[in-house]
């Protein structure tokens, strides 16, 4: 389960919003012993992982979720108030 905390890529240090989660699945199937043809595919089952694997969609760095969270904690995003002058 992914945490609802900010991420910051520890590699490129520019991305805070574009990520993907990488998941693994196991899919059973039956093959014909003589021809090698696939006879049946079963539905894929997700493989439970202790911690999600995250990919930065800017630099393609892949790491565990905690690395992205800790980098965001080390360099927090600060809201700044801006006033537009037109």
PDB file of N, CA and C in Angstrom:
ATOM      1  N   UNK A   1       0.852  -1.185   0.000  1.00  0.00           N
ATOM      2  CA  UNK A   1       0.000   0.000   0.000  1.00  0.00           C
ATOM      3  C   UNK A   1       0.894   1.243   0.000  1.00  0.00           C
ATOM      4  N   UNK A   2       0.629   2.151  -0.901  1.00  0.00           N
ATOM      5  CA  UNK A   2       1.440   3.363  -0.998  1.00  0.00           C
ATOM      6  C   UNK A   2       1.025   4.368   0.070  1.00  0.00           C
ATOM      7  N   UNK A   3       2.026   5.063   0.591  1.00  0.00           N
ATOM      8  CA  UNK A   3       1.765   6.073   1.608  1.00  0.00           C
ATOM      9  C   UNK A   3       1.356   7.389   0.955  1.00  0.00           C
ATOM     10  N   UNK A   4       0.526   8.153   1.637  1.00  0.00           N
ATOM     11  CA  UNK A   4       0.112   9.459   1.130  1.00  0.00           C
ATOM     12  C   UNK A   4       1.026  10.529   1.697  1.00  0.00           C
ATOM     13  N   UNK A   5       2.272  10.504   1.227  1.00  0.00           N
ATOM     14  CA  UNK A   5       3.280  11.478   1.624  1.00  0.00           C
ATOM     15  C   UNK A   5       3.940  11.998   0.360  1.00  0.00           C
ATOM     16  N   UNK A   6       4.496  13.197   0.402  1.00  0.00           N
ATOM     17  CA  UNK A   6       5.160  13.727  -0.793  1.00  0.00           C
ATOM     18  C   UNK A   6       6.376  12.889  -1.190  1.00  0.00           C
ATOM     19  N   UNK A   7       6.636  12.834  -2.493  1.00  0.00           N
ATOM     20  CA  UNK A   7       7.820  12.189  -3.046  1.00  0.00           C
ATOM     21  C   UNK A   7       8.731  13.272  -3.620  1.00  0.00           C
ATOM     22  N   UNK A   8      10.008  12.962  -3.686  1.00  0.00           N
ATOM     23  CA  UNK A   8      10.982  13.801  -4.381  1.00  0.00           C
ATOM     24  C   UNK A   8      12.048  12.848  -4.887  1.00  0.00           C
ATOM     25  N   UNK A   9      12.331  12.861  -6.181  1.00  0.00           N
ATOM     26  CA  UNK A   9      13.279  11.912  -6.756  1.00  0.00           C
ATOM     27  C   UNK A   9      14.679  12.153  -6.191  1.00  0.00           C
ATOM     28  N   UNK A  10      15.283  11.131  -5.577  1.00  0.00           N
ATOM     29  CA  UNK A  10      16.628  11.298  -5.020  1.00  0.00           C
ATOM     30  C   UNK A  10      17.714  11.310  -6.085  1.00  0.00           C
ATOM     31  N   UNK A  11      17.371  10.975  -7.318  1.00  0.00           N
ATOM     32  CA  UNK A  11      18.367  10.936  -8.388  1.00  0.00           C
ATOM     33  C   UNK A  11      18.434  12.260  -9.153  1.00  0.00           C
ATOM     34  N   UNK A  12      17.358  12.651  -9.803  1.00  0.00           N
ATOM     35  CA  UNK A  12      17.379  13.885 -10.610  1.00  0.00           C
ATOM     36  C   UNK A  12      17.092  15.127  -9.776  1.00  0.00           C
ATOM     37  N   UNK A  13      16.464  14.947  -8.628  1.00  0.00           N
ATOM     38  CA  UNK A  13      16.133  16.025  -7.702  1.00  0.00           C
ATOM     39  C   UNK A  13      15.389  17.182  -8.384  1.00  0.00           C
ATOM     40  N   UNK A  14      14.546  16.830  -9.350  1.00  0.00           N
ATOM     41  CA  UNK A  14      13.713  17.849  -9.982  1.00  0.00           C
ATOM     42  C   UNK A  14      12.253  17.434 -10.022  1.00  0.00           C
ATOM     43  N   UNK A  15      11.970  16.154  -9.863  1.00  0.00           N
ATOM     44  CA  UNK A  15      10.608  15.641 -10.009  1.00  0.00           C
ATOM     45  C   UNK A  15       9.941  15.438  -8.652  1.00  0.00           C
ATOM     46  N   UNK A  16       8.766  16.020  -8.511  1.00  0.00           N
ATOM     47  CA  UNK A  16       7.946  15.825  -7.318  1.00  0.00           C
ATOM     48  C   UNK A  16       6.546  15.324  -7.658  1.00  0.00           C
ATOM     49  N   UNK A  17       6.225  15.176  -8.952  1.00  0.00           N
ATOM     50  CA  UNK A  17       4.844  14.850  -9.304  1.00  0.00           C
ATOM     51  C   UNK A  17       4.661  13.668 -10.254  1.00  0.00           C
ATOM     52  N   UNK A  18       5.632  13.304 -11.073  1.00  0.00           N
ATOM     53  CA  UNK A  18       5.442  12.275 -12.097  1.00  0.00           C
ATOM     54  C   UNK A  18       6.143  10.977 -11.694  1.00  0.00           C
ATOM     55  N   UNK A  19       5.342   9.991 -11.280  1.00  0.00           N
ATOM     56  CA  UNK A  19       5.878   8.717 -10.830  1.00  0.00           C
ATOM     57  C   UNK A  19       4.999   7.576 -11.316  1.00  0.00           C
ATOM     58  N   UNK A  20       5.539   6.383 -11.291  1.00  0.00           N
ATOM     59  CA  UNK A  20       4.734   5.190 -11.516  1.00  0.00           C
ATOM     60  C   UNK A  20       5.125   4.157 -10.469  1.00  0.00           C
ATOM     61  N   UNK A  21       4.175   3.306 -10.130  1.00  0.00           N
ATOM     62  CA  UNK A  21       4.430   2.229  -9.186  1.00  0.00           C
ATOM     63  C   UNK A  21       4.632   0.956 -10.007  1.00  0.00           C
ATOM     64  N   UNK A  22       5.653   0.192  -9.663  1.00  0.00           N
ATOM     65  CA  UNK A  22       5.973  -1.038 -10.383  1.00  0.00           C
ATOM     66  C   UNK A  22       5.477  -2.211  -9.548  1.00  0.00           C
ATOM     67  N   UNK A  23       4.649  -3.030 -10.162  1.00  0.00           N
ATOM     68  CA  UNK A  23       4.091  -4.183  -9.462  1.00  0.00           C
ATOM     69  C   UNK A  23       4.470  -5.465 -10.195  1.00  0.00           C
ATOM     70  N   UNK A  24       4.448  -6.571  -9.468  1.00  0.00           N
ATOM     71  CA  UNK A  24       4.768  -7.881 -10.041  1.00  0.00           C
ATOM     72  C   UNK A  24       3.543  -8.774  -9.974  1.00  0.00           C
ATOM     73  N   UNK A  25       3.392  -9.615 -11.003  1.00  0.00           N
ATOM     74  CA  UNK A  25       2.285 -10.550 -11.072  1.00  0.00           C
ATOM     75  C   UNK A  25       2.815 -11.938 -11.423  1.00  0.00           C
ATOM     76  N   UNK A  26       2.106 -12.943 -10.948  1.00  0.00           N
ATOM     77  CA  UNK A  26       2.375 -14.321 -11.344  1.00  0.00           C
ATOM     78  C   UNK A  26       1.182 -14.803 -12.152  1.00  0.00           C
ATOM     79  N   UNK A  27       1.457 -15.404 -13.305  1.00  0.00           N
ATOM     80  CA  UNK A  27       0.371 -15.876 -14.157  1.00  0.00           C
ATOM     81  C   UNK A  27       0.633 -17.334 -14.529  1.00  0.00           C
ATOM     82  N   UNK A  28      -0.269 -18.216 -14.118  1.00  0.00           N
ATOM     83  CA  UNK A  28      -0.141 -19.642 -14.409  1.00  0.00           C
ATOM     84  C   UNK A  28      -0.642 -19.936 -15.817  1.00  0.00           C
ATOM     85  N   UNK A  29      -0.040 -20.949 -16.436  1.00  0.00           N
ATOM     86  CA  UNK A  29      -0.510 -21.381 -17.749  1.00  0.00           C
ATOM     87  C   UNK A  29      -0.186 -22.850 -17.950  1.00  0.00           C
ATOM     88  N   UNK A  30      -0.889 -23.473 -18.896  1.00  0.00           N
ATOM     89  CA  UNK A  30      -0.674 -24.871 -19.249  1.00  0.00           C
ATOM     90  C   UNK A  30      -0.138 -24.936 -20.670  1.00  0.00           C
ATOM     91  N   UNK A  31       0.879 -25.805 -20.880  1.00  0.00           N
ATOM     92  CA  UNK A  31       1.457 -25.981 -22.218  1.00  0.00           C
ATOM     93  C   UNK A  31       1.232 -27.406 -22.693  1.00  0.00           C
ATOM     94  N   UNK A  32       1.109 -27.560 -23.977  1.00  0.00           N
ATOM     95  CA  UNK A  32       1.031 -28.882 -24.579  1.00  0.00           C
ATOM     96  C   UNK A  32       2.425 -29.506 -24.520  1.00  0.00           C
ATOM     97  N   UNK A  33       2.510 -30.731 -24.004  1.00  0.00           N
ATOM     98  CA  UNK A  33       3.803 -31.383 -23.810  1.00  0.00           C
ATOM     99  C   UNK A  33       4.517 -31.703 -25.122  1.00  0.00           C
ATOM    100  N   UNK A  34       3.782 -31.926 -26.207  1.00  0.00           N
ATOM    101  CA  UNK A  34       4.407 -32.292 -27.475  1.00  0.00           C
ATOM    102  C   UNK A  34       4.724 -31.084 -28.349  1.00  0.00           C
ATOM    103  N   UNK A  35       3.754 -30.212 -28.531  1.00  0.00           N
ATOM    104  CA  UNK A  35       3.951 -29.078 -29.438  1.00  0.00           C
ATOM    105  C   UNK A  35       4.548 -27.859 -28.750  1.00  0.00           C
ATOM    106  N   UNK A  36       4.363 -27.753 -27.437  1.00  0.00           N
ATOM    107  CA  UNK A  36       4.854 -26.581 -26.709  1.00  0.00           C
ATOM    108  C   UNK A  36       3.897 -25.406 -26.776  1.00  0.00           C
ATOM    109  N   UNK A  37       2.763 -25.598 -27.442  1.00  0.00           N
ATOM    110  CA  UNK A  37       1.774 -24.528 -27.537  1.00  0.00           C
ATOM    111  C   UNK A  37       1.090 -24.282 -26.200  1.00  0.00           C
ATOM    112  N   UNK A  38       0.715 -23.049 -25.985  1.00  0.00           N
ATOM    113  CA  UNK A  38       0.024 -22.698 -24.742  1.00  0.00           C
ATOM    114  C   UNK A  38      -1.443 -23.067 -24.882  1.00  0.00           C
ATOM    115  N   UNK A  39      -1.926 -23.856 -23.919  1.00  0.00           N
ATOM    116  CA  UNK A  39      -3.305 -24.343 -23.978  1.00  0.00           C
ATOM    117  C   UNK A  39      -4.245 -23.502 -23.125  1.00  0.00           C
ATOM    118  N   UNK A  40      -3.765 -22.955 -22.031  1.00  0.00           N
ATOM    119  CA  UNK A  40      -4.646 -22.220 -21.133  1.00  0.00           C
ATOM    120  C   UNK A  40      -3.835 -21.215 -20.317  1.00  0.00           C
ATOM    121  N   UNK A  41      -4.379 -20.004 -20.179  1.00  0.00           N
ATOM    122  CA  UNK A  41      -3.811 -18.973 -19.309  1.00  0.00           C
ATOM    123  C   UNK A  41      -4.771 -18.733 -18.163  1.00  0.00           C
ATOM    124  N   UNK A  42      -4.264 -18.605 -16.969  1.00  0.00           N
ATOM    125  CA  UNK A  42      -5.099 -18.258 -15.817  1.00  0.00           C
ATOM    126  C   UNK A  42      -4.940 -16.769 -15.544  1.00  0.00           C
ATOM    127  N   UNK A  43      -5.845 -16.224 -14.740  1.00  0.00           N
ATOM    128  CA  UNK A  43      -5.782 -14.811 -14.394  1.00  0.00           C
ATOM    129  C   UNK A  43      -4.511 -14.507 -13.601  1.00  0.00           C
ATOM    130  N   UNK A  44      -3.874 -13.362 -13.855  1.00  0.00           N
ATOM    131  CA  UNK A  44      -2.673 -13.017 -13.101  1.00  0.00           C
ATOM    132  C   UNK A  44      -3.000 -12.698 -11.642  1.00  0.00           C
ATOM    133  N   UNK A  45      -2.124 -13.127 -10.743  1.00  0.00           N
ATOM    134  CA  UNK A  45      -2.261 -12.850  -9.312  1.00  0.00           C
ATOM    135  C   UNK A  45      -1.152 -11.893  -8.900  1.00  0.00           C
ATOM    136  N   UNK A  46      -1.503 -10.792  -8.225  1.00  0.00           N
ATOM    137  CA  UNK A  46      -0.445  -9.871  -7.778  1.00  0.00           C
ATOM    138  C   UNK A  46       0.434 -10.518  -6.717  1.00  0.00           C
ATOM    139  N   UNK A  47       1.712 -10.218  -6.771  1.00  0.00           N
ATOM    140  CA  UNK A  47       2.667 -10.699  -5.773  1.00  0.00           C
ATOM    141  C   UNK A  47       2.811  -9.608  -4.724  1.00  0.00           C
ATOM    142  N   UNK A  48       2.501  -9.958  -3.485  1.00  0.00           N
ATOM    143  CA  UNK A  48       2.569  -8.977  -2.393  1.00  0.00           C
ATOM    144  C   UNK A  48       4.020  -8.609  -2.120  1.00  0.00           C
ATOM    145  N   UNK A  49       4.264  -7.305  -1.983  1.00  0.00           N
ATOM    146  CA  UNK A  49       5.609  -6.811  -1.684  1.00  0.00           C
ATOM    147  C   UNK A  49       5.559  -6.041  -0.380  1.00  0.00           C
ATOM    148  N   UNK A  50       6.662  -6.050   0.365  1.00  0.00           N
ATOM    149  CA  UNK A  50       6.720  -5.351   1.649  1.00  0.00           C
ATOM    150  C   UNK A  50       6.610  -3.842   1.459  1.00  0.00           C
ATOM    151  N   UNK A  51       7.194  -3.336   0.383  1.00  0.00           N
ATOM    152  CA  UNK A  51       7.181  -1.895   0.127  1.00  0.00           C
ATOM    153  C   UNK A  51       7.082  -1.671  -1.379  1.00  0.00           C
ATOM    154  N   UNK A  52       6.279  -0.697  -1.807  1.00  0.00           N
ATOM    155  CA  UNK A  52       6.136  -0.437  -3.241  1.00  0.00           C
ATOM    156  C   UNK A  52       7.462  -0.009  -3.878  1.00  0.00           C
ATOM    157  N   UNK A  53       7.636  -0.381  -5.141  1.00  0.00           N
ATOM    158  CA  UNK A  53       8.768   0.077  -5.936  1.00  0.00           C
ATOM    159  C   UNK A  53       8.269   1.219  -6.806  1.00  0.00           C
ATOM    160  N   UNK A  54       8.974   2.349  -6.756  1.00  0.00           N
ATOM    161  CA  UNK A  54       8.551   3.568  -7.445  1.00  0.00           C
ATOM    162  C   UNK A  54       9.542   3.909  -8.542  1.00  0.00           C
ATOM    163  N   UNK A  55       9.032   4.419  -9.658  1.00  0.00           N
ATOM    164  CA  UNK A  55       9.872   4.877 -10.762  1.00  0.00           C
ATOM    165  C   UNK A  55       9.616   6.344 -11.019  1.00  0.00           C
ATOM    166  N   UNK A  56      10.688   7.124 -11.113  1.00  0.00           N
ATOM    167  CA  UNK A  56      10.587   8.537 -11.499  1.00  0.00           C
ATOM    168  C   UNK A  56      10.359   8.579 -13.005  1.00  0.00           C
ATOM    169  N   UNK A  57       9.338   9.290 -13.448  1.00  0.00           N
ATOM    170  CA  UNK A  57       9.040   9.367 -14.882  1.00  0.00           C
ATOM    171  C   UNK A  57       9.812  10.477 -15.589  1.00  0.00           C
ATOM    172  N   UNK A  58      10.710  11.155 -14.876  1.00  0.00           N
ATOM    173  CA  UNK A  58      11.571  12.158 -15.499  1.00  0.00           C
ATOM    174  C   UNK A  58      12.919  11.529 -15.870  1.00  0.00           C
ATOM    175  N   UNK A  59      13.569  10.874 -14.888  1.00  0.00           N
ATOM    176  CA  UNK A  59      14.899  10.302 -15.135  1.00  0.00           C
ATOM    177  C   UNK A  59      14.903   8.774 -15.161  1.00  0.00           C
ATOM    178  N   UNK A  60      13.748   8.144 -14.923  1.00  0.00           N
ATOM    179  CA  UNK A  60      13.574   6.682 -14.921  1.00  0.00           C
ATOM    180  C   UNK A  60      14.281   5.974 -13.774  1.00  0.00           C
ATOM    181  N   UNK A  61      14.687   6.685 -12.736  1.00  0.00           N
ATOM    182  CA  UNK A  61      15.277   6.069 -11.553  1.00  0.00           C
ATOM    183  C   UNK A  61      14.232   5.201 -10.871  1.00  0.00           C
ATOM    184  N   UNK A  62      14.647   4.014 -10.411  1.00  0.00           N
ATOM    185  CA  UNK A  62      13.752   3.092  -9.718  1.00  0.00           C
ATOM    186  C   UNK A  62      14.312   2.822  -8.333  1.00  0.00           C
ATOM    187  N   UNK A  63      13.455   2.936  -7.318  1.00  0.00           N
ATOM    188  CA  UNK A  63      13.868   2.666  -5.947  1.00  0.00           C
ATOM    189  C   UNK A  63      12.664   2.370  -5.076  1.00  0.00           C
ATOM    190  N   UNK A  64      12.925   2.002  -3.827  1.00  0.00           N
ATOM    191  CA  UNK A  64      11.800   1.742  -2.935  1.00  0.00           C
ATOM    192  C   UNK A  64      11.153   3.057  -2.505  1.00  0.00           C
ATOM    193  N   UNK A  65       9.909   2.969  -2.111  1.00  0.00           N
ATOM    194  CA  UNK A  65       9.116   4.157  -1.803  1.00  0.00           C
ATOM    195  C   UNK A  65       9.759   5.019  -0.715  1.00  0.00           C
ATOM    196  N   UNK A  66      10.360   4.385   0.267  1.00  0.00           N
ATOM    197  CA  UNK A  66      10.943   5.123   1.385  1.00  0.00           C
ATOM    198  C   UNK A  66      12.052   6.079   0.938  1.00  0.00           C
ATOM    199  N   UNK A  67      12.819   5.731  -0.092  1.00  0.00           N
ATOM    200  CA  UNK A  67      13.867   6.635  -0.600  1.00  0.00           C
ATOM    201  C   UNK A  67      13.265   7.936  -1.123  1.00  0.00           C
ATOM    202  N   UNK A  68      12.141   7.829  -1.838  1.00  0.00           N
ATOM    203  CA  UNK A  68      11.481   9.010  -2.384  1.00  0.00           C
ATOM    204  C   UNK A  68      10.873   9.861  -1.265  1.00  0.00           C
ATOM    205  N   UNK A  69      10.304   9.203  -0.255  1.00  0.00           N
ATOM    206  CA  UNK A  69       9.697   9.927   0.870  1.00  0.00           C
ATOM    207  C   UNK A  69      10.767  10.633   1.693  1.00  0.00           C
ATOM    208  N   UNK A  70      11.862   9.941   1.999  1.00  0.00           N
ATOM    209  CA  UNK A  70      12.937  10.536   2.802  1.00  0.00           C
ATOM    210  C   UNK A  70      13.576  11.722   2.088  1.00  0.00           C
ATOM    211  N   UNK A  71      13.725  11.628   0.764  1.00  0.00           N
ATOM    212  CA  UNK A  71      14.284  12.757   0.011  1.00  0.00           C
ATOM    213  C   UNK A  71      13.342  13.960   0.084  1.00  0.00           C
ATOM    214  N   UNK A  72      12.045  13.727   0.034  1.00  0.00           N
ATOM    215  CA  UNK A  72      11.071  14.819   0.153  1.00  0.00           C
ATOM    216  C   UNK A  72      11.109  15.429   1.555  1.00  0.00           C
ATOM    217  N   UNK A  73      11.371  14.616   2.574  1.00  0.00           N
ATOM    218  CA  UNK A  73      11.475  15.140   3.939  1.00  0.00           C
ATOM    219  C   UNK A  73      12.749  15.953   4.122  1.00  0.00           C
ATOM    220  N   UNK A  74      13.849  15.541   3.462  1.00  0.00           N
ATOM    221  CA  UNK A  74      15.112  16.288   3.556  1.00  0.00           C
ATOM    222  C   UNK A  74      15.033  17.636   2.847  1.00  0.00           C
ATOM    223  N   UNK A  75      14.279  17.673   1.755  1.00  0.00           N
ATOM    224  CA  UNK A  75      14.139  18.900   0.968  1.00  0.00           C
ATOM    225  C   UNK A  75      12.647  19.186   0.753  1.00  0.00           C
ATOM    226  N   UNK A  76      11.974  19.669   1.803  1.00  0.00           N
ATOM    227  CA  UNK A  76      10.520  19.882   1.686  1.00  0.00           C
ATOM    228  C   UNK A  76      10.170  21.008   0.725  1.00  0.00           C
ATOM    229  N   UNK A  77       9.016  20.876   0.145  1.00  0.00           N
ATOM    230  CA  UNK A  77       8.481  21.914  -0.744  1.00  0.00           C
ATOM    231  C   UNK A  77       7.831  22.970   0.131  1.00  0.00           C
ATOM    232  N   UNK A  78       8.167  24.220  -0.096  1.00  0.00           N
ATOM    233  CA  UNK A  78       7.632  25.312   0.713  1.00  0.00           C
ATOM    234  C   UNK A  78       6.665  26.123  -0.142  1.00  0.00           C
ATOM    235  N   UNK A  79       5.463  26.327   0.392  1.00  0.00           N
ATOM    236  CA  UNK A  79       4.496  27.169  -0.306  1.00  0.00           C
ATOM    237  C   UNK A  79       4.887  28.625  -0.149  1.00  0.00           C
ATOM    238  N   UNK A  80       4.929  29.319  -1.254  1.00  0.00           N
ATOM    239  CA  UNK A  80       5.226  30.753  -1.200  1.00  0.00           C
ATOM    240  C   UNK A  80       4.022  31.511  -1.729  1.00  0.00           C
ATOM    241  N   UNK A  81       3.714  32.589  -1.062  1.00  0.00           N
ATOM    242  CA  UNK A  81       2.604  33.413  -1.464  1.00  0.00           C
ATOM    243  C   UNK A  81       3.097  34.397  -2.522  1.00  0.00           C
ATOM    244  N   UNK A  82       2.402  34.406  -3.626  1.00  0.00           N
ATOM    245  CA  UNK A  82       2.770  35.340  -4.697  1.00  0.00           C
ATOM    246  C   UNK A  82       1.579  36.245  -4.986  1.00  0.00           C
ATOM    247  N   UNK A  83       1.872  37.463  -5.253  1.00  0.00           N
ATOM    248  CA  UNK A  83       0.824  38.406  -5.646  1.00  0.00           C
ATOM    249  C   UNK A  83       1.145  38.883  -7.056  1.00  0.00           C
ATOM    250  N   UNK A  84       0.159  38.752  -7.909  1.00  0.00           N
ATOM    251  CA  UNK A  84       0.366  39.169  -9.273  1.00  0.00           C
ATOM    252  C   UNK A  84       0.115  40.663  -9.428  1.00  0.00           C
ATOM    253  N   UNK A  85       0.965  41.296 -10.158  1.00  0.00           N
ATOM    254  CA  UNK A  85       0.836  42.742 -10.391  1.00  0.00           C
ATOM    255  C   UNK A  85       0.609  42.939 -11.883  1.00  0.00           C
ATOM    256  N   UNK A  86      -0.606  43.335 -12.212  1.00  0.00           N
ATOM    257  CA  UNK A  86      -0.955  43.585 -13.614  1.00  0.00           C
ATOM    258  C   UNK A  86      -1.501  44.959 -13.774  1.00  0.00           C
TER     259      UNK A  86
END
